[in-house]
Amino acid sequence: MYYDILNQIMIPSLWRLGRRAVFQHNNPRHTSKTTTALLKRLRVKVMDWPCLSPDLKPIEHLWGILKWKVEVCKVSNIHQLCDVIMEKWKRTPVTTCEALVNSMPKR
């Protein structure tokens, strides 16, 4: 499934960003040989970095922000929790994501 997502969605999006774009696996320790071969065959630049380094993943910081926003809400069932998560996710400003990405060189 991951292979298909990369091949059909991620790689075309990456090419639109230009040849200087670099792909970052969310968890490289789970990358299959087939996926690695695909990226190599298509000459996709892959960021080399240690897995399990949450400080190097902007998405981990975004999950933390989302968790903090959701924890302050009072919910009494799973449906309310899902609604609150979706509301907080949709209200997260793009500038927050940009700031997390822009903070990467300092890490």
PDB file of N, CA and C in Angstrom:
ATOM      1  N   MET A   1       0.827  -1.183   0.000  1.00  0.00           N
ATOM      2  CA  MET A   1       0.000   0.000   0.000  1.00  0.00           C
ATOM      3  C   MET A   1       0.881   1.260   0.000  1.00  0.00           C
ATOM      4  N   TYR A   2       1.914   1.246   0.838  1.00  0.00           N
ATOM      5  CA  TYR A   2       2.836   2.384   0.914  1.00  0.00           C
ATOM      6  C   TYR A   2       3.501   2.604  -0.443  1.00  0.00           C
ATOM      7  N   TYR A   3       3.920   1.529  -1.059  1.00  0.00           N
ATOM      8  CA  TYR A   3       4.549   1.586  -2.384  1.00  0.00           C
ATOM      9  C   TYR A   3       3.605   2.257  -3.382  1.00  0.00           C
ATOM     10  N   ASP A   4       2.349   1.843  -3.387  1.00  0.00           N
ATOM     11  CA  ASP A   4       1.374   2.416  -4.324  1.00  0.00           C
ATOM     12  C   ASP A   4       1.143   3.895  -4.055  1.00  0.00           C
ATOM     13  N   ILE A   5       1.058   4.277  -2.792  1.00  0.00           N
ATOM     14  CA  ILE A   5       0.873   5.692  -2.438  1.00  0.00           C
ATOM     15  C   ILE A   5       2.060   6.511  -2.927  1.00  0.00           C
ATOM     16  N   LEU A   6       3.257   6.008  -2.685  1.00  0.00           N
ATOM     17  CA  LEU A   6       4.454   6.722  -3.155  1.00  0.00           C
ATOM     18  C   LEU A   6       4.448   6.849  -4.668  1.00  0.00           C
ATOM     19  N   ASN A   7       4.205   5.743  -5.341  1.00  0.00           N
ATOM     20  CA  ASN A   7       4.293   5.703  -6.792  1.00  0.00           C
ATOM     21  C   ASN A   7       3.212   6.545  -7.465  1.00  0.00           C
ATOM     22  N   GLN A   8       2.001   6.508  -6.948  1.00  0.00           N
ATOM     23  CA  GLN A   8       0.880   7.170  -7.610  1.00  0.00           C
ATOM     24  C   GLN A   8       0.644   8.607  -7.152  1.00  0.00           C
ATOM     25  N   ILE A   9       1.019   8.927  -5.921  1.00  0.00           N
ATOM     26  CA  ILE A   9       0.684  10.244  -5.368  1.00  0.00           C
ATOM     27  C   ILE A   9       1.918  11.062  -4.997  1.00  0.00           C
ATOM     28  N   MET A  10       2.782  10.480  -4.155  1.00  0.00           N
ATOM     29  CA  MET A  10       3.898  11.259  -3.633  1.00  0.00           C
ATOM     30  C   MET A  10       4.902  11.638  -4.707  1.00  0.00           C
ATOM     31  N   ILE A  11       5.305  10.685  -5.535  1.00  0.00           N
ATOM     32  CA  ILE A  11       6.350  10.966  -6.519  1.00  0.00           C
ATOM     33  C   ILE A  11       5.904  12.011  -7.534  1.00  0.00           C
ATOM     34  N   PRO A  12       4.683  11.934  -8.097  1.00  0.00           N
ATOM     35  CA  PRO A  12       4.249  13.022  -8.984  1.00  0.00           C
ATOM     36  C   PRO A  12       4.224  14.387  -8.283  1.00  0.00           C
ATOM     37  N   SER A  13       3.818  14.395  -7.004  1.00  0.00           N
ATOM     38  CA  SER A  13       3.824  15.655  -6.245  1.00  0.00           C
ATOM     39  C   SER A  13       5.243  16.154  -6.038  1.00  0.00           C
ATOM     40  N   LEU A  14       6.147  15.237  -5.757  1.00  0.00           N
ATOM     41  CA  LEU A  14       7.547  15.595  -5.550  1.00  0.00           C
ATOM     42  C   LEU A  14       8.142  16.201  -6.814  1.00  0.00           C
ATOM     43  N   TRP A  15       7.832  15.621  -7.977  1.00  0.00           N
ATOM     44  CA  TRP A  15       8.361  16.147  -9.237  1.00  0.00           C
ATOM     45  C   TRP A  15       7.859  17.566  -9.485  1.00  0.00           C
ATOM     46  N   ARG A  16       6.620  17.847  -9.070  1.00  0.00           N
ATOM     47  CA  ARG A  16       6.091  19.209  -9.249  1.00  0.00           C
ATOM     48  C   ARG A  16       6.868  20.220  -8.415  1.00  0.00           C
ATOM     49  N   LEU A  17       7.468  19.768  -7.326  1.00  0.00           N
ATOM     50  CA  LEU A  17       8.263  20.660  -6.483  1.00  0.00           C
ATOM     51  C   LEU A  17       9.626  20.961  -7.095  1.00  0.00           C
ATOM     52  N   GLY A  18      10.045  20.138  -8.031  1.00  0.00           N
ATOM     53  CA  GLY A  18      11.338  20.347  -8.676  1.00  0.00           C
ATOM     54  C   GLY A  18      12.356  19.306  -8.285  1.00  0.00           C
ATOM     55  N   ARG A  19      13.404  19.238  -9.051  1.00  0.00           N
ATOM     56  CA  ARG A  19      14.436  18.209  -8.854  1.00  0.00           C
ATOM     57  C   ARG A  19      15.211  18.374  -7.554  1.00  0.00           C
ATOM     58  N   ARG A  20      15.157  19.547  -6.944  1.00  0.00           N
ATOM     59  CA  ARG A  20      15.891  19.759  -5.690  1.00  0.00           C
ATOM     60  C   ARG A  20      15.124  19.230  -4.482  1.00  0.00           C
ATOM     61  N   ALA A  21      13.872  18.831  -4.682  1.00  0.00           N
ATOM     62  CA  ALA A  21      13.054  18.334  -3.573  1.00  0.00           C
ATOM     63  C   ALA A  21      13.655  17.051  -3.003  1.00  0.00           C
ATOM     64  N   VAL A  22      13.510  16.899  -1.708  1.00  0.00           N
ATOM     65  CA  VAL A  22      14.031  15.726  -1.008  1.00  0.00           C
ATOM     66  C   VAL A  22      12.880  15.068  -0.258  1.00  0.00           C
ATOM     67  N   PHE A  23      12.788  13.750  -0.384  1.00  0.00           N
ATOM     68  CA  PHE A  23      11.733  13.001   0.283  1.00  0.00           C
ATOM     69  C   PHE A  23      12.195  12.580   1.669  1.00  0.00           C
ATOM     70  N   GLN A  24      11.273  12.668   2.637  1.00  0.00           N
ATOM     71  CA  GLN A  24      11.573  12.268   4.006  1.00  0.00           C
ATOM     72  C   GLN A  24      10.567  11.194   4.422  1.00  0.00           C
ATOM     73  N   HIS A  25      11.048   9.991   4.681  1.00  0.00           N
ATOM     74  CA  HIS A  25      10.172   8.927   5.182  1.00  0.00           C
ATOM     75  C   HIS A  25       9.708   9.305   6.576  1.00  0.00           C
ATOM     76  N   ASN A  26       8.484   8.933   6.908  1.00  0.00           N
ATOM     77  CA  ASN A  26       8.004   9.147   8.268  1.00  0.00           C
ATOM     78  C   ASN A  26       8.673   8.175   9.233  1.00  0.00           C
ATOM     79  N   ASN A  27       8.913   6.958   8.779  1.00  0.00           N
ATOM     80  CA  ASN A  27       9.557   5.969   9.629  1.00  0.00           C
ATOM     81  C   ASN A  27      10.386   5.041   8.744  1.00  0.00           C
ATOM     82  N   PRO A  28      11.616   5.434   8.426  1.00  0.00           N
ATOM     83  CA  PRO A  28      12.410   4.668   7.468  1.00  0.00           C
ATOM     84  C   PRO A  28      12.718   3.230   7.865  1.00  0.00           C
ATOM     85  N   ARG A  29      12.596   2.871   9.107  1.00  0.00           N
ATOM     86  CA  ARG A  29      12.918   1.497   9.490  1.00  0.00           C
ATOM     87  C   ARG A  29      11.887   0.513   8.969  1.00  0.00           C
ATOM     88  N   HIS A  30      10.729   1.005   8.530  1.00  0.00           N
ATOM     89  CA  HIS A  30       9.696   0.124   7.978  1.00  0.00           C
ATOM     90  C   HIS A  30       9.679   0.143   6.452  1.00  0.00           C
ATOM     91  N   THR A  31      10.669   0.693   5.834  1.00  0.00           N
ATOM     92  CA  THR A  31      10.709   0.789   4.386  1.00  0.00           C
ATOM     93  C   THR A  31      11.122  -0.549   3.782  1.00  0.00           C
ATOM     94  N   SER A  32      10.335  -1.015   2.834  1.00  0.00           N
ATOM     95  CA  SER A  32      10.618  -2.310   2.211  1.00  0.00           C
ATOM     96  C   SER A  32      11.702  -2.167   1.145  1.00  0.00           C
ATOM     97  N   LYS A  33      12.254  -3.299   0.763  1.00  0.00           N
ATOM     98  CA  LYS A  33      13.248  -3.309  -0.314  1.00  0.00           C
ATOM     99  C   LYS A  33      12.612  -2.855  -1.623  1.00  0.00           C
ATOM    100  N   THR A  34      11.351  -3.191  -1.829  1.00  0.00           N
ATOM    101  CA  THR A  34      10.640  -2.797  -3.045  1.00  0.00           C
ATOM    102  C   THR A  34      10.499  -1.276  -3.113  1.00  0.00           C
ATOM    103  N   THR A  35      10.137  -0.670  -2.001  1.00  0.00           N
ATOM    104  CA  THR A  35       9.994   0.784  -1.952  1.00  0.00           C
ATOM    105  C   THR A  35      11.341   1.463  -2.157  1.00  0.00           C
ATOM    106  N   THR A  36      12.357   0.949  -1.507  1.00  0.00           N
ATOM    107  CA  THR A  36      13.701   1.503  -1.667  1.00  0.00           C
ATOM    108  C   THR A  36      14.148   1.415  -3.125  1.00  0.00           C
ATOM    109  N   ALA A  37      13.877   0.296  -3.770  1.00  0.00           N
ATOM    110  CA  ALA A  37      14.242   0.113  -5.181  1.00  0.00           C
ATOM    111  C   ALA A  37      13.482   1.089  -6.077  1.00  0.00           C
ATOM    112  N   LEU A  38      12.205   1.315  -5.783  1.00  0.00           N
ATOM    113  CA  LEU A  38      11.405   2.273  -6.566  1.00  0.00           C
ATOM    114  C   LEU A  38      12.016   3.665  -6.485  1.00  0.00           C
ATOM    115  N   LEU A  39      12.312   4.115  -5.281  1.00  0.00           N
ATOM    116  CA  LEU A  39      12.866   5.456  -5.102  1.00  0.00           C
ATOM    117  C   LEU A  39      14.231   5.577  -5.777  1.00  0.00           C
ATOM    118  N   LYS A  40      15.019   4.526  -5.695  1.00  0.00           N
ATOM    119  CA  LYS A  40      16.337   4.537  -6.331  1.00  0.00           C
ATOM    120  C   LYS A  40      16.193   4.560  -7.853  1.00  0.00           C
ATOM    121  N   ARG A  41      15.290   3.731  -8.387  1.00  0.00           N
ATOM    122  CA  ARG A  41      15.077   3.663  -9.838  1.00  0.00           C
ATOM    123  C   ARG A  41      14.607   5.003 -10.399  1.00  0.00           C
ATOM    124  N   LEU A  42      13.770   5.710  -9.628  1.00  0.00           N
ATOM    125  CA  LEU A  42      13.249   7.001 -10.083  1.00  0.00           C
ATOM    126  C   LEU A  42      14.144   8.176  -9.678  1.00  0.00           C
ATOM    127  N   ARG A  43      15.275   7.847  -9.065  1.00  0.00           N
ATOM    128  CA  ARG A  43      16.263   8.851  -8.639  1.00  0.00           C
ATOM    129  C   ARG A  43      15.670   9.909  -7.705  1.00  0.00           C
ATOM    130  N   VAL A  44      14.853   9.426  -6.783  1.00  0.00           N
ATOM    131  CA  VAL A  44      14.274  10.311  -5.779  1.00  0.00           C
ATOM    132  C   VAL A  44      15.310  10.515  -4.684  1.00  0.00           C
ATOM    133  N   LYS A  45      15.594  11.768  -4.369  1.00  0.00           N
ATOM    134  CA  LYS A  45      16.512  12.058  -3.275  1.00  0.00           C
ATOM    135  C   LYS A  45      15.779  11.789  -1.968  1.00  0.00           C
ATOM    136  N   VAL A  46      16.371  10.953  -1.126  1.00  0.00           N
ATOM    137  CA  VAL A  46      15.769  10.584   0.151  1.00  0.00           C
ATOM    138  C   VAL A  46      16.665  11.102   1.264  1.00  0.00           C
ATOM    139  N   MET A  47      16.056  11.797   2.211  1.00  0.00           N
ATOM    140  CA  MET A  47      16.802  12.333   3.333  1.00  0.00           C
ATOM    141  C   MET A  47      17.335  11.182   4.172  1.00  0.00           C
ATOM    142  N   ASP A  48      18.624  11.168   4.409  1.00  0.00           N
ATOM    143  CA  ASP A  48      19.249  10.152   5.237  1.00  0.00           C
ATOM    144  C   ASP A  48      19.287  10.670   6.663  1.00  0.00           C
ATOM    145  N   TRP A  49      18.643   9.956   7.550  1.00  0.00           N
ATOM    146  CA  TRP A  49      18.580  10.405   8.931  1.00  0.00           C
ATOM    147  C   TRP A  49      18.190   9.243   9.822  1.00  0.00           C
ATOM    148  N   PRO A  50      18.451   9.354  11.096  1.00  0.00           N
ATOM    149  CA  PRO A  50      18.104   8.259  11.995  1.00  0.00           C
ATOM    150  C   PRO A  50      16.603   8.190  12.220  1.00  0.00           C
ATOM    151  N   CYS A  51      16.050   6.983  12.149  1.00  0.00           N
ATOM    152  CA  CYS A  51      14.632   6.843  12.478  1.00  0.00           C
ATOM    153  C   CYS A  51      14.465   7.040  13.976  1.00  0.00           C
ATOM    154  N   LEU A  52      13.269   7.206  14.382  1.00  0.00           N
ATOM    155  CA  LEU A  52      12.938   7.429  15.786  1.00  0.00           C
ATOM    156  C   LEU A  52      13.539   8.712  16.335  1.00  0.00           C
ATOM    157  N   SER A  53      13.648   9.734  15.497  1.00  0.00           N
ATOM    158  CA  SER A  53      14.124  11.051  15.931  1.00  0.00           C
ATOM    159  C   SER A  53      12.985  12.055  15.807  1.00  0.00           C
ATOM    160  N   PRO A  54      12.077  12.098  16.799  1.00  0.00           N
ATOM    161  CA  PRO A  54      10.912  12.957  16.674  1.00  0.00           C
ATOM    162  C   PRO A  54      11.245  14.435  16.519  1.00  0.00           C
ATOM    163  N   ASP A  55      12.385  14.872  17.047  1.00  0.00           N
ATOM    164  CA  ASP A  55      12.732  16.277  16.909  1.00  0.00           C
ATOM    165  C   ASP A  55      13.068  16.647  15.468  1.00  0.00           C
ATOM    166  N   LEU A  56      13.300  15.656  14.618  1.00  0.00           N
ATOM    167  CA  LEU A  56      13.614  15.914  13.221  1.00  0.00           C
ATOM    168  C   LEU A  56      12.390  15.780  12.317  1.00  0.00           C
ATOM    169  N   LYS A  57      11.232  15.578  12.882  1.00  0.00           N
ATOM    170  CA  LYS A  57      10.016  15.406  12.103  1.00  0.00           C
ATOM    171  C   LYS A  57       9.031  16.517  12.439  1.00  0.00           C
ATOM    172  N   PRO A  58       8.818  17.446  11.530  1.00  0.00           N
ATOM    173  CA  PRO A  58       7.854  18.517  11.811  1.00  0.00           C
ATOM    174  C   PRO A  58       6.466  17.978  12.163  1.00  0.00           C
ATOM    175  N   ILE A  59       6.055  16.862  11.566  1.00  0.00           N
ATOM    176  CA  ILE A  59       4.718  16.337  11.828  1.00  0.00           C
ATOM    177  C   ILE A  59       4.563  15.919  13.285  1.00  0.00           C
ATOM    178  N   GLU A  60       5.644  15.449  13.914  1.00  0.00           N
ATOM    179  CA  GLU A  60       5.555  15.049  15.320  1.00  0.00           C
ATOM    180  C   GLU A  60       5.241  16.251  16.204  1.00  0.00           C
ATOM    181  N   HIS A  61       5.828  17.387  15.869  1.00  0.00           N
ATOM    182  CA  HIS A  61       5.553  18.610  16.626  1.00  0.00           C
ATOM    183  C   HIS A  61       4.121  19.077  16.381  1.00  0.00           C
ATOM    184  N   LEU A  62       3.649  18.896  15.150  1.00  0.00           N
ATOM    185  CA  LEU A  62       2.272  19.265  14.829  1.00  0.00           C
ATOM    186  C   LEU A  62       1.295  18.380  15.591  1.00  0.00           C
ATOM    187  N   TRP A  63       1.587  17.073  15.692  1.00  0.00           N
ATOM    188  CA  TRP A  63       0.728  16.179  16.481  1.00  0.00           C
ATOM    189  C   TRP A  63       0.704  16.637  17.938  1.00  0.00           C
ATOM    190  N   GLY A  64       1.843  17.071  18.453  1.00  0.00           N
ATOM    191  CA  GLY A  64       1.904  17.550  19.834  1.00  0.00           C
ATOM    192  C   GLY A  64       1.045  18.779  20.055  1.00  0.00           C
ATOM    193  N   ILE A  65       1.081  19.704  19.097  1.00  0.00           N
ATOM    194  CA  ILE A  65       0.246  20.903  19.175  1.00  0.00           C
ATOM    195  C   ILE A  65      -1.226  20.513  19.153  1.00  0.00           C
ATOM    196  N   LEU A  66      -1.585  19.615  18.244  1.00  0.00           N
ATOM    197  CA  LEU A  66      -2.968  19.163  18.130  1.00  0.00           C
ATOM    198  C   LEU A  66      -3.418  18.475  19.427  1.00  0.00           C
ATOM    199  N   LYS A  67      -2.561  17.625  19.972  1.00  0.00           N
ATOM    200  CA  LYS A  67      -2.886  16.931  21.215  1.00  0.00           C
ATOM    201  C   LYS A  67      -3.150  17.923  22.338  1.00  0.00           C
ATOM    202  N   TRP A  68      -2.315  18.943  22.442  1.00  0.00           N
ATOM    203  CA  TRP A  68      -2.483  19.957  23.478  1.00  0.00           C
ATOM    204  C   TRP A  68      -3.820  20.674  23.320  1.00  0.00           C
ATOM    205  N   LYS A  69      -4.174  21.020  22.078  1.00  0.00           N
ATOM    206  CA  LYS A  69      -5.446  21.712  21.822  1.00  0.00           C
ATOM    207  C   LYS A  69      -6.643  20.830  22.134  1.00  0.00           C
ATOM    208  N   VAL A  70      -6.536  19.534  21.872  1.00  0.00           N
ATOM    209  CA  VAL A  70      -7.649  18.612  22.103  1.00  0.00           C
ATOM    210  C   VAL A  70      -7.790  18.308  23.600  1.00  0.00           C
ATOM    211  N   GLU A  71      -6.685  18.198  24.313  1.00  0.00           N
ATOM    212  CA  GLU A  71      -6.729  17.827  25.730  1.00  0.00           C
ATOM    213  C   GLU A  71      -7.489  18.833  26.586  1.00  0.00           C
ATOM    214  N   VAL A  72      -7.512  20.094  26.194  1.00  0.00           N
ATOM    215  CA  VAL A  72      -8.199  21.108  26.995  1.00  0.00           C
ATOM    216  C   VAL A  72      -9.710  21.085  26.787  1.00  0.00           C
ATOM    217  N   CYS A  73     -10.178  20.319  25.811  1.00  0.00           N
ATOM    218  CA  CYS A  73     -11.613  20.209  25.538  1.00  0.00           C
ATOM    219  C   CYS A  73     -12.216  19.096  26.385  1.00  0.00           C
ATOM    220  N   LYS A  74     -13.420  19.310  26.817  1.00  0.00           N
ATOM    221  CA  LYS A  74     -14.125  18.296  27.597  1.00  0.00           C
ATOM    222  C   LYS A  74     -14.978  17.464  26.640  1.00  0.00           C
ATOM    223  N   VAL A  75     -14.641  16.191  26.509  1.00  0.00           N
ATOM    224  CA  VAL A  75     -15.425  15.283  25.668  1.00  0.00           C
ATOM    225  C   VAL A  75     -15.875  14.102  26.515  1.00  0.00           C
ATOM    226  N   SER A  76     -17.031  13.553  26.174  1.00  0.00           N
ATOM    227  CA  SER A  76     -17.550  12.442  26.972  1.00  0.00           C
ATOM    228  C   SER A  76     -17.683  11.137  26.188  1.00  0.00           C
ATOM    229  N   ASN A  77     -17.394  11.193  24.866  1.00  0.00           N
ATOM    230  CA  ASN A  77     -17.455   9.946  24.105  1.00  0.00           C
ATOM    231  C   ASN A  77     -16.548  10.048  22.876  1.00  0.00           C
ATOM    232  N   ILE A  78     -16.374   8.936  22.211  1.00  0.00           N
ATOM    233  CA  ILE A  78     -15.448   8.861  21.075  1.00  0.00           C
ATOM    234  C   ILE A  78     -15.893   9.741  19.919  1.00  0.00           C
ATOM    235  N   HIS A  79     -17.194   9.875  19.730  1.00  0.00           N
ATOM    236  CA  HIS A  79     -17.699  10.693  18.626  1.00  0.00           C
ATOM    237  C   HIS A  79     -17.367  12.172  18.848  1.00  0.00           C
ATOM    238  N   GLN A  80     -17.526  12.633  20.078  1.00  0.00           N
ATOM    239  CA  GLN A  80     -17.152  14.013  20.393  1.00  0.00           C
ATOM    240  C   GLN A  80     -15.654  14.220  20.227  1.00  0.00           C
ATOM    241  N   LEU A  81     -14.886  13.223  20.643  1.00  0.00           N
ATOM    242  CA  LEU A  81     -13.437  13.314  20.502  1.00  0.00           C
ATOM    243  C   LEU A  81     -13.047  13.452  19.031  1.00  0.00           C
ATOM    244  N   CYS A  82     -13.636  12.622  18.186  1.00  0.00           N
ATOM    245  CA  CYS A  82     -13.350  12.706  16.746  1.00  0.00           C
ATOM    246  C   CYS A  82     -13.734  14.068  16.187  1.00  0.00           C
ATOM    247  N   ASP A  83     -14.876  14.577  16.603  1.00  0.00           N
ATOM    248  CA  ASP A  83     -15.322  15.897  16.130  1.00  0.00           C
ATOM    249  C   ASP A  83     -14.356  16.994  16.563  1.00  0.00           C
ATOM    250  N   VAL A  84     -13.912  16.931  17.818  1.00  0.00           N
ATOM    251  CA  VAL A  84     -12.981  17.947  18.340  1.00  0.00           C
ATOM    252  C   VAL A  84     -11.651  17.863  17.599  1.00  0.00           C
ATOM    253  N   ILE A  85     -11.152  16.654  17.388  1.00  0.00           N
ATOM    254  CA  ILE A  85      -9.880  16.494  16.670  1.00  0.00           C
ATOM    255  C   ILE A  85      -9.984  17.100  15.278  1.00  0.00           C
ATOM    256  N   MET A  86     -11.054  16.789  14.562  1.00  0.00           N
ATOM    257  CA  MET A  86     -11.225  17.316  13.207  1.00  0.00           C
ATOM    258  C   MET A  86     -11.348  18.840  13.214  1.00  0.00           C
ATOM    259  N   GLU A  87     -12.083  19.377  14.179  1.00  0.00           N
ATOM    260  CA  GLU A  87     -12.236  20.827  14.268  1.00  0.00           C
ATOM    261  C   GLU A  87     -10.887  21.496  14.526  1.00  0.00           C
ATOM    262  N   LYS A  88     -10.149  20.980  15.492  1.00  0.00           N
ATOM    263  CA  LYS A  88      -8.847  21.574  15.823  1.00  0.00           C
ATOM    264  C   LYS A  88      -7.870  21.420  14.665  1.00  0.00           C
ATOM    265  N   TRP A  89      -7.916  20.286  13.969  1.00  0.00           N
ATOM    266  CA  TRP A  89      -7.033  20.068  12.815  1.00  0.00           C
ATOM    267  C   TRP A  89      -7.329  21.095  11.726  1.00  0.00           C
ATOM    268  N   LYS A  90      -8.599  21.267  11.412  1.00  0.00           N
ATOM    269  CA  LYS A  90      -8.995  22.205  10.349  1.00  0.00           C
ATOM    270  C   LYS A  90      -8.672  23.646  10.708  1.00  0.00           C
ATOM    271  N   ARG A  91      -8.666  23.952  12.001  1.00  0.00           N
ATOM    272  CA  ARG A  91      -8.386  25.328  12.444  1.00  0.00           C
ATOM    273  C   ARG A  91      -6.895  25.598  12.681  1.00  0.00           C
ATOM    274  N   THR A  92      -6.072  24.607  12.466  1.00  0.00           N
ATOM    275  CA  THR A  92      -4.632  24.808  12.618  1.00  0.00           C
ATOM    276  C   THR A  92      -4.145  25.640  11.440  1.00  0.00           C
ATOM    277  N   PRO A  93      -3.600  26.813  11.701  1.00  0.00           N
ATOM    278  CA  PRO A  93      -3.184  27.688  10.604  1.00  0.00           C
ATOM    279  C   PRO A  93      -2.033  27.097   9.782  1.00  0.00           C
ATOM    280  N   VAL A  94      -2.052  27.379   8.514  1.00  0.00           N
ATOM    281  CA  VAL A  94      -0.974  26.942   7.630  1.00  0.00           C
ATOM    282  C   VAL A  94       0.348  27.522   8.120  1.00  0.00           C
ATOM    283  N   THR A  95       0.296  28.697   8.700  1.00  0.00           N
ATOM    284  CA  THR A  95       1.524  29.326   9.201  1.00  0.00           C
ATOM    285  C   THR A  95       2.189  28.494  10.296  1.00  0.00           C
ATOM    286  N   THR A  96       1.393  27.743  11.048  1.00  0.00           N
ATOM    287  CA  THR A  96       1.958  26.853  12.060  1.00  0.00           C
ATOM    288  C   THR A  96       2.804  25.775  11.387  1.00  0.00           C
ATOM    289  N   CYS A  97       2.251  25.188  10.336  1.00  0.00           N
ATOM    290  CA  CYS A  97       2.987  24.157   9.591  1.00  0.00           C
ATOM    291  C   CYS A  97       4.240  24.751   8.963  1.00  0.00           C
ATOM    292  N   GLU A  98       4.109  25.923   8.384  1.00  0.00           N
ATOM    293  CA  GLU A  98       5.264  26.583   7.758  1.00  0.00           C
ATOM    294  C   GLU A  98       6.351  26.864   8.782  1.00  0.00           C
ATOM    295  N   ALA A  99       5.953  27.319   9.960  1.00  0.00           N
ATOM    296  CA  ALA A  99       6.939  27.616  11.010  1.00  0.00           C
ATOM    297  C   ALA A  99       7.675  26.349  11.435  1.00  0.00           C
ATOM    298  N   LEU A 100       6.956  25.237  11.534  1.00  0.00           N
ATOM    299  CA  LEU A 100       7.608  23.979  11.916  1.00  0.00           C
ATOM    300  C   LEU A 100       8.605  23.540  10.850  1.00  0.00           C
ATOM    301  N   VAL A 101       8.209  23.635   9.601  1.00  0.00           N
ATOM    302  CA  VAL A 101       9.119  23.257   8.502  1.00  0.00           C
ATOM    303  C   VAL A 101      10.318  24.203   8.482  1.00  0.00           C
ATOM    304  N   ASN A 102      10.076  25.485   8.640  1.00  0.00           N
ATOM    305  CA  ASN A 102      11.168  26.463   8.593  1.00  0.00           C
ATOM    306  C   ASN A 102      12.118  26.338   9.774  1.00  0.00           C
ATOM    307  N   SER A 103      11.657  25.678  10.851  1.00  0.00           N
ATOM    308  CA  SER A 103      12.535  25.498  12.020  1.00  0.00           C
ATOM    309  C   SER A 103      13.501  24.334  11.841  1.00  0.00           C
ATOM    310  N   MET A 104      13.328  23.550  10.792  1.00  0.00           N
ATOM    311  CA  MET A 104      14.160  22.354  10.592  1.00  0.00           C
ATOM    312  C   MET A 104      15.662  22.643  10.526  1.00  0.00           C
ATOM    313  N   PRO A 105      16.111  23.669   9.812  1.00  0.00           N
ATOM    314  CA  PRO A 105      17.577  23.890   9.747  1.00  0.00           C
ATOM    315  C   PRO A 105      18.211  24.087  11.137  1.00  0.00           C
ATOM    316  N   LYS A 106      17.456  24.626  12.085  1.00  0.00           N
ATOM    317  CA  LYS A 106      17.990  24.829  13.439  1.00  0.00           C
ATOM    318  C   LYS A 106      18.134  23.517  14.194  1.00  0.00           C
ATOM    319  N   ARG A 107      17.429  22.482  13.739  1.00  0.00           N
ATOM    320  CA  ARG A 107      17.481  21.192  14.441  1.00  0.00           C
ATOM    321  C   ARG A 107      18.681  20.404  14.004  1.00  0.00           C
TER     322      ARG A 107
END
